Protein backbone atom coordinates (compact mmCIF):
# COMPACT_ATOMS: atom_id res chain seq x y z
CA MET A 1 -26.48 20.37 -14.61
CA LYS A 2 -30.04 20.28 -15.85
CA LYS A 3 -30.55 23.09 -18.33
CA ILE A 4 -33.68 25.22 -18.66
CA PRO A 5 -34.98 25.03 -22.24
CA VAL A 6 -35.90 28.47 -23.58
CA ILE A 7 -37.07 30.18 -26.74
CA ILE A 8 -36.17 33.86 -27.16
CA ASP A 9 -38.57 36.09 -29.08
CA CYS A 10 -37.00 39.51 -29.63
CA ASP A 11 -36.61 42.69 -31.68
CA PRO A 12 -32.89 43.60 -31.49
CA GLY A 13 -32.46 46.52 -30.46
CA ILE A 14 -29.68 47.43 -28.09
CA ASP A 15 -31.18 45.99 -24.92
CA ASP A 16 -32.27 42.82 -26.74
CA VAL A 17 -28.62 42.23 -27.59
CA MET A 18 -27.79 42.55 -23.90
CA ALA A 19 -30.46 39.94 -23.15
CA LEU A 20 -29.09 37.59 -25.82
CA LEU A 21 -25.59 38.06 -24.43
CA LEU A 22 -26.70 37.00 -20.95
CA ALA A 23 -28.63 34.01 -22.32
CA PHE A 24 -25.64 32.81 -24.37
CA SER A 25 -23.36 33.09 -21.34
CA ARG A 26 -25.46 30.85 -19.10
CA ASP A 27 -24.57 27.19 -18.79
CA ASP A 28 -27.98 26.62 -17.19
CA LEU A 29 -29.92 27.72 -20.30
CA ASP A 30 -30.55 25.73 -23.47
CA VAL A 31 -31.62 28.21 -26.17
CA LYS A 32 -33.71 26.15 -28.59
CA LEU A 33 -34.79 28.88 -30.99
CA ILE A 34 -34.67 32.64 -31.58
CA THR A 35 -37.55 34.39 -33.33
CA THR A 36 -37.76 38.05 -34.32
CA GLU A 37 -40.34 40.71 -34.95
CA PRO A 38 -40.26 44.44 -35.67
CA GLY A 39 -40.29 46.89 -32.78
CA ASN A 40 -37.02 48.59 -31.98
CA GLN A 41 -36.45 48.55 -35.74
CA THR A 42 -38.10 47.00 -38.79
CA GLN A 43 -38.19 43.23 -39.23
CA ASP A 44 -35.38 43.17 -41.83
CA LYS A 45 -33.08 44.97 -39.40
CA THR A 46 -34.05 43.08 -36.24
CA ILE A 47 -33.55 39.66 -37.81
CA TYR A 48 -30.24 40.74 -39.32
CA ASN A 49 -29.10 41.99 -35.92
CA ALA A 50 -30.16 38.73 -34.27
CA ILE A 51 -28.31 36.66 -36.87
CA ALA A 52 -25.21 38.88 -36.84
CA PHE A 53 -24.91 39.02 -33.04
CA THR A 54 -25.58 35.30 -32.60
CA SER A 55 -22.90 34.59 -35.22
CA TYR A 56 -20.49 36.98 -33.48
CA MET A 57 -21.13 35.11 -30.22
CA LYS A 58 -20.28 31.81 -32.00
CA GLN A 59 -23.68 30.30 -31.23
CA ASN A 60 -25.33 27.84 -33.60
CA ILE A 61 -29.02 28.55 -33.01
CA GLU A 62 -31.92 28.63 -35.45
CA ILE A 63 -33.23 32.17 -36.03
CA ALA A 64 -36.66 32.48 -37.66
CA ARG A 65 -38.43 35.51 -39.09
CA GLY A 66 -41.75 36.42 -37.54
CA LEU A 67 -44.61 38.61 -38.68
CA ASN A 68 -43.64 41.91 -40.28
CA ASP A 69 -46.38 44.10 -38.76
CA PRO A 70 -48.55 44.37 -35.67
CA PHE A 71 -52.03 42.83 -35.79
CA PHE A 72 -54.15 45.97 -36.34
CA ARG A 73 -51.87 48.98 -35.97
CA GLU A 74 -49.27 50.65 -38.14
CA LEU A 75 -45.77 49.78 -37.05
CA GLU A 76 -43.92 52.32 -34.92
CA VAL A 77 -40.20 51.71 -34.41
CA ALA A 78 -37.83 53.09 -31.77
CA ASP A 79 -35.16 54.32 -34.17
CA LYS A 80 -34.59 57.47 -32.11
CA VAL A 81 -33.43 55.26 -29.25
CA HIS A 82 -31.68 52.42 -31.07
CA GLY A 83 -30.43 54.17 -34.18
CA GLU A 84 -30.75 53.54 -37.90
CA SER A 85 -29.42 49.99 -37.69
CA GLY A 86 -30.96 49.19 -34.30
CA LEU A 87 -27.54 48.76 -32.66
CA GLY A 88 -26.40 52.36 -32.41
CA GLU A 89 -23.10 52.88 -34.24
CA VAL A 90 -21.80 49.32 -33.76
CA ILE A 91 -21.06 47.32 -36.90
CA LEU A 92 -20.98 43.56 -36.35
CA PRO A 93 -18.91 41.17 -38.50
CA GLU A 94 -20.59 39.58 -41.49
CA PRO A 95 -22.80 36.80 -40.10
CA THR A 96 -22.02 33.14 -40.62
CA LEU A 97 -25.54 31.96 -39.76
CA LEU A 98 -28.44 32.01 -42.20
CA GLU A 99 -32.08 32.84 -41.64
CA SER A 100 -34.19 29.75 -40.98
CA ASP A 101 -36.24 28.23 -43.76
CA ARG A 102 -39.11 28.01 -41.29
CA THR A 103 -41.32 30.93 -40.37
CA ALA A 104 -41.26 31.94 -36.71
CA ILE A 105 -44.79 30.63 -36.14
CA ASN A 106 -44.00 27.22 -37.66
CA ALA A 107 -40.68 27.00 -35.83
CA LEU A 108 -42.28 27.95 -32.52
CA LYS A 109 -45.04 25.41 -32.96
CA GLU A 110 -42.71 22.59 -33.97
CA VAL A 111 -40.04 23.22 -31.33
CA LEU A 112 -42.68 23.34 -28.60
CA THR A 113 -44.56 20.30 -29.88
CA GLU A 114 -41.42 18.19 -30.22
CA SER A 115 -40.01 19.12 -26.81
CA GLU A 116 -40.14 16.45 -24.12
CA GLU A 117 -40.54 19.09 -21.43
CA PRO A 118 -42.20 22.51 -21.18
CA ILE A 119 -40.18 25.42 -22.52
CA VAL A 120 -39.85 28.94 -21.11
CA ILE A 121 -40.50 31.66 -23.68
CA ILE A 122 -38.42 34.79 -23.05
CA ALA A 123 -40.10 37.64 -24.92
CA THR A 124 -38.38 41.02 -25.15
CA GLY A 125 -40.32 42.76 -27.92
CA PRO A 126 -43.91 43.23 -29.00
CA LEU A 127 -45.91 40.01 -28.57
CA THR A 128 -46.93 39.74 -32.23
CA ASN A 129 -45.36 36.32 -32.83
CA ILE A 130 -46.51 34.81 -29.55
CA GLY A 131 -50.04 36.13 -30.00
CA ALA A 132 -50.19 34.69 -33.51
CA LEU A 133 -48.84 31.35 -32.27
CA LEU A 134 -51.48 31.06 -29.56
CA LEU A 135 -54.24 31.97 -32.00
CA ALA A 136 -53.12 29.49 -34.65
CA HIS A 137 -51.96 26.67 -32.36
CA PRO A 138 -53.62 26.90 -28.95
CA GLU A 139 -52.66 23.27 -28.34
CA VAL A 140 -49.06 24.34 -27.63
CA LYS A 141 -50.05 26.15 -24.43
CA GLU A 142 -49.37 23.05 -22.35
CA LYS A 143 -45.81 22.99 -23.70
CA ILE A 144 -45.07 26.52 -22.47
CA SER A 145 -43.73 26.54 -18.92
CA TYR A 146 -44.27 30.30 -18.65
CA ILE A 147 -43.55 33.50 -20.54
CA SER A 148 -40.88 35.80 -19.08
CA TYR A 149 -41.90 39.08 -20.68
CA MET A 150 -40.22 42.45 -20.78
CA GLY A 151 -43.11 44.78 -21.32
CA GLY A 152 -45.92 46.67 -19.68
CA ALA A 153 -46.06 48.97 -16.68
CA ALA A 154 -48.17 49.13 -13.57
CA VAL A 155 -47.60 52.77 -12.72
CA ALA A 156 -46.48 54.78 -15.76
CA GLY A 157 -45.62 54.16 -19.40
CA ASN A 158 -42.98 55.48 -21.76
CA MET A 159 -45.10 55.90 -24.91
CA SER A 160 -48.04 57.52 -23.14
CA PRO A 161 -48.94 58.16 -19.50
CA PHE A 162 -49.98 54.50 -19.25
CA ALA A 163 -48.46 52.47 -22.11
CA GLU A 164 -45.00 50.88 -22.32
CA PHE A 165 -43.43 50.60 -25.79
CA ASN A 166 -43.56 46.83 -26.39
CA VAL A 167 -47.24 46.58 -25.50
CA TYR A 168 -48.05 49.86 -27.25
CA VAL A 169 -46.63 48.60 -30.56
CA ASP A 170 -49.06 45.65 -30.65
CA PRO A 171 -51.62 45.78 -27.84
CA HIS A 172 -53.97 43.33 -29.59
CA ALA A 173 -51.30 40.61 -29.61
CA ALA A 174 -50.48 41.36 -25.98
CA ASP A 175 -54.16 41.10 -25.09
CA ILE A 176 -54.33 37.62 -26.63
CA VAL A 177 -51.25 36.49 -24.70
CA PHE A 178 -52.38 37.93 -21.38
CA ARG A 179 -55.80 36.27 -21.75
CA SER A 180 -54.34 32.94 -22.90
CA GLY A 181 -54.00 31.28 -19.52
CA VAL A 182 -50.27 30.76 -20.03
CA PRO A 183 -48.39 31.89 -16.87
CA ILE A 184 -46.64 35.23 -17.37
CA VAL A 185 -43.89 36.97 -15.43
CA MET A 186 -43.95 40.66 -16.36
CA SER A 187 -40.72 42.64 -16.16
CA GLY A 188 -42.37 45.98 -16.75
CA LEU A 189 -40.99 49.48 -16.34
CA ASP A 190 -41.65 49.28 -12.60
CA VAL A 191 -38.69 46.89 -12.23
CA THR A 192 -36.62 47.67 -15.33
CA HIS A 193 -36.23 51.32 -14.28
CA LYS A 194 -34.36 49.95 -11.26
CA ALA A 195 -32.18 47.64 -13.39
CA TYR A 196 -29.54 50.07 -14.59
CA VAL A 197 -25.79 50.28 -15.11
CA ASN A 198 -24.37 53.49 -13.68
CA MET A 199 -21.61 55.45 -15.37
CA ALA A 200 -18.85 54.07 -13.13
CA GLU A 201 -20.01 50.54 -13.99
CA LEU A 202 -20.10 51.40 -17.69
CA GLU A 203 -16.50 52.60 -17.45
CA LYS A 204 -15.62 49.32 -15.73
CA ILE A 205 -17.13 47.40 -18.65
CA GLU A 206 -15.17 49.47 -21.14
CA SER A 207 -11.97 48.93 -19.14
CA MET A 208 -12.17 45.19 -19.91
CA ASN A 209 -10.60 46.21 -23.25
CA THR A 210 -12.07 43.42 -25.32
CA ASP A 211 -13.81 43.72 -28.67
CA LEU A 212 -17.08 42.65 -27.05
CA SER A 213 -16.82 45.08 -24.13
CA GLU A 214 -16.00 47.86 -26.59
CA LYS A 215 -19.12 47.07 -28.62
CA ILE A 216 -21.30 46.82 -25.51
CA GLY A 217 -19.91 50.12 -24.23
CA SER A 218 -20.54 51.81 -27.57
CA MET A 219 -24.15 50.62 -27.70
CA LEU A 220 -24.85 51.69 -24.13
CA ARG A 221 -23.31 55.12 -24.66
CA PHE A 222 -25.38 55.54 -27.83
CA TYR A 223 -28.45 54.51 -25.84
CA ILE A 224 -27.93 57.14 -23.15
CA ASN A 225 -26.82 59.91 -25.52
CA THR A 226 -29.78 59.56 -27.88
CA ALA A 227 -32.18 59.51 -24.95
CA LYS A 228 -30.68 62.71 -23.58
CA ASN A 229 -30.52 64.40 -26.98
CA ASN A 230 -34.16 63.59 -27.71
CA ASP A 231 -35.30 64.71 -24.23
CA PHE A 232 -37.36 61.57 -23.68
CA GLN A 233 -39.90 62.16 -20.97
CA ASP A 234 -40.06 58.50 -19.95
CA THR A 235 -36.45 58.10 -18.92
CA ASP A 236 -34.28 59.93 -16.43
CA PHE A 237 -30.76 58.75 -17.25
CA GLU A 238 -29.11 60.62 -14.39
CA ASN A 239 -28.24 57.33 -12.64
CA GLY A 240 -27.23 55.33 -15.72
CA ILE A 241 -28.53 53.12 -18.50
CA ARG A 242 -31.52 50.86 -17.97
CA LEU A 243 -31.12 47.31 -19.23
CA HIS A 244 -34.83 46.61 -19.72
CA ASP A 245 -34.74 43.35 -21.69
CA LEU A 246 -31.97 41.84 -19.59
CA CYS A 247 -34.51 41.46 -16.76
CA ALA A 248 -36.54 38.89 -18.70
CA VAL A 249 -33.50 36.61 -19.01
CA SER A 250 -32.13 37.31 -15.55
CA TYR A 251 -35.42 36.32 -13.92
CA VAL A 252 -35.36 32.89 -15.58
CA VAL A 253 -31.90 32.02 -14.24
CA THR A 254 -31.93 33.96 -10.96
CA PRO A 255 -35.52 34.62 -9.86
CA ASP A 256 -34.34 35.30 -6.31
CA LEU A 257 -32.92 38.63 -7.49
CA PHE A 258 -36.45 39.91 -8.08
CA GLU A 259 -39.55 40.66 -6.05
CA GLY A 260 -43.06 40.83 -7.41
CA GLU A 261 -46.72 40.28 -6.79
CA ASP A 262 -49.33 38.04 -8.42
CA CYS A 263 -52.08 40.17 -9.96
CA PHE A 264 -54.78 40.21 -12.58
CA VAL A 265 -53.52 42.22 -15.56
CA ALA A 266 -55.56 43.28 -18.59
CA VAL A 267 -54.36 44.99 -21.77
CA GLU A 268 -56.26 48.01 -23.05
CA THR A 269 -56.48 47.86 -26.86
CA GLU A 270 -58.71 50.76 -27.88
CA GLY A 271 -58.75 53.52 -25.26
CA ARG A 272 -58.19 57.00 -26.67
CA HIS A 273 -55.75 57.85 -23.88
CA THR A 274 -54.85 54.36 -22.68
CA ALA A 275 -54.27 52.11 -25.73
CA GLY A 276 -51.44 49.74 -24.91
CA ALA A 277 -51.78 50.12 -21.16
CA THR A 278 -51.34 47.09 -18.93
CA VAL A 279 -54.02 47.55 -16.28
CA VAL A 280 -52.66 45.96 -13.11
CA ASP A 281 -55.26 45.20 -10.44
CA TYR A 282 -53.04 45.82 -7.43
CA ALA A 283 -56.06 46.58 -5.25
CA TYR A 284 -57.90 43.35 -6.23
CA ARG A 285 -60.99 45.24 -7.43
CA SER A 286 -61.75 43.14 -10.51
CA GLY A 287 -62.48 39.91 -8.71
CA LYS A 288 -60.65 38.09 -11.50
CA PRO A 289 -58.00 35.41 -10.90
CA HIS A 290 -54.33 36.37 -11.06
CA ASN A 291 -52.76 35.81 -14.48
CA VAL A 292 -49.42 37.62 -14.16
CA LYS A 293 -46.56 37.88 -11.69
CA VAL A 294 -45.74 41.59 -11.82
CA LEU A 295 -42.12 42.30 -10.85
CA HIS A 296 -41.39 45.56 -9.05
CA SER A 297 -37.93 45.25 -7.44
CA VAL A 298 -34.48 43.89 -8.28
CA ASP A 299 -31.18 43.46 -6.46
CA ARG A 300 -29.41 45.94 -8.73
CA GLU A 301 -25.87 45.20 -7.57
CA ALA A 302 -26.22 41.45 -8.12
CA PHE A 303 -27.98 42.10 -11.44
CA VAL A 304 -25.11 44.29 -12.71
CA ASN A 305 -22.49 41.81 -11.51
CA GLN A 306 -24.31 39.09 -13.44
CA PHE A 307 -24.20 41.24 -16.58
CA MET A 308 -20.50 42.04 -16.20
CA GLU A 309 -19.66 38.39 -15.64
CA ALA A 310 -21.52 37.56 -18.85
CA ILE A 311 -19.48 40.09 -20.82
CA GLU A 312 -16.21 38.77 -19.42
CA LYS A 313 -17.15 35.14 -20.01
CA MET A 314 -18.31 35.68 -23.58
CA SER A 315 -15.27 37.85 -24.37
CA ASN A 316 -13.09 34.90 -23.42
CA TYR A 317 -15.32 32.46 -25.30
CA ILE A 318 -15.20 34.30 -28.61
CA GLY A 319 -11.50 35.08 -28.10
CA GLN A 320 -11.64 38.79 -28.84
């Protein structure tokens, strides 16, 4: 089987862990590198979570620390959603992996440059690292197959009427990436709000009775309970728990589960009411060439089955 080489840039975060879990479970993916940035929590916490979860999953993958702050904005973290640690109330075993000696930007540049084939970048957090990479080393663009990005929204945001969290945290970096010419597949809120695990499915996960399924269940229950307790306007959890970041991995391995449309998308960086908005030209008014495939639908049942299979497979793999 020919594997798809990928780099995962993330900010773990509960749903980032779900995305990592799926990536580690896939025999058709070759994870070359993991890089982290702040977003769901601060950089120190997101890189620790990445290292601890990757160690727990018995994966030997380089994990490199990215930039500590957005380009031009003060960092805002989603601690109300993801908790003080970033992983709800779950405590992972002491990690066996160490943080890379390379910075994320250097590691990204070198892994891409040295690769014999283009690499897919799966990005599930703010685009700070990827924006910095493309500014500092534009020559690596030809080594990026495409960017599978969880972020943005065509219709409505979750940080403002128009802005989704990942883009909102660092809109200037997102603007650089979206204008870079690198192909982008955007798993925005339009599709991720349809990619949820309902409560019966959550109970099925918990009934697997493994250490991993217990941890996944605990994180997902924390996710839904904090959202309800904080009365978040962006999320109606009546149907279940949305696995936002999982979409960015799932698309890479099973694109047929998703439907989308090629559009021109711009990022608003300064608007008083619209900073962080991804402006999707669905009506083709701009006259500008398409730069993003905007996903809007997913086969939810197949998506959830894929997630459950990943939990079962990795539970067996780690032997817990």
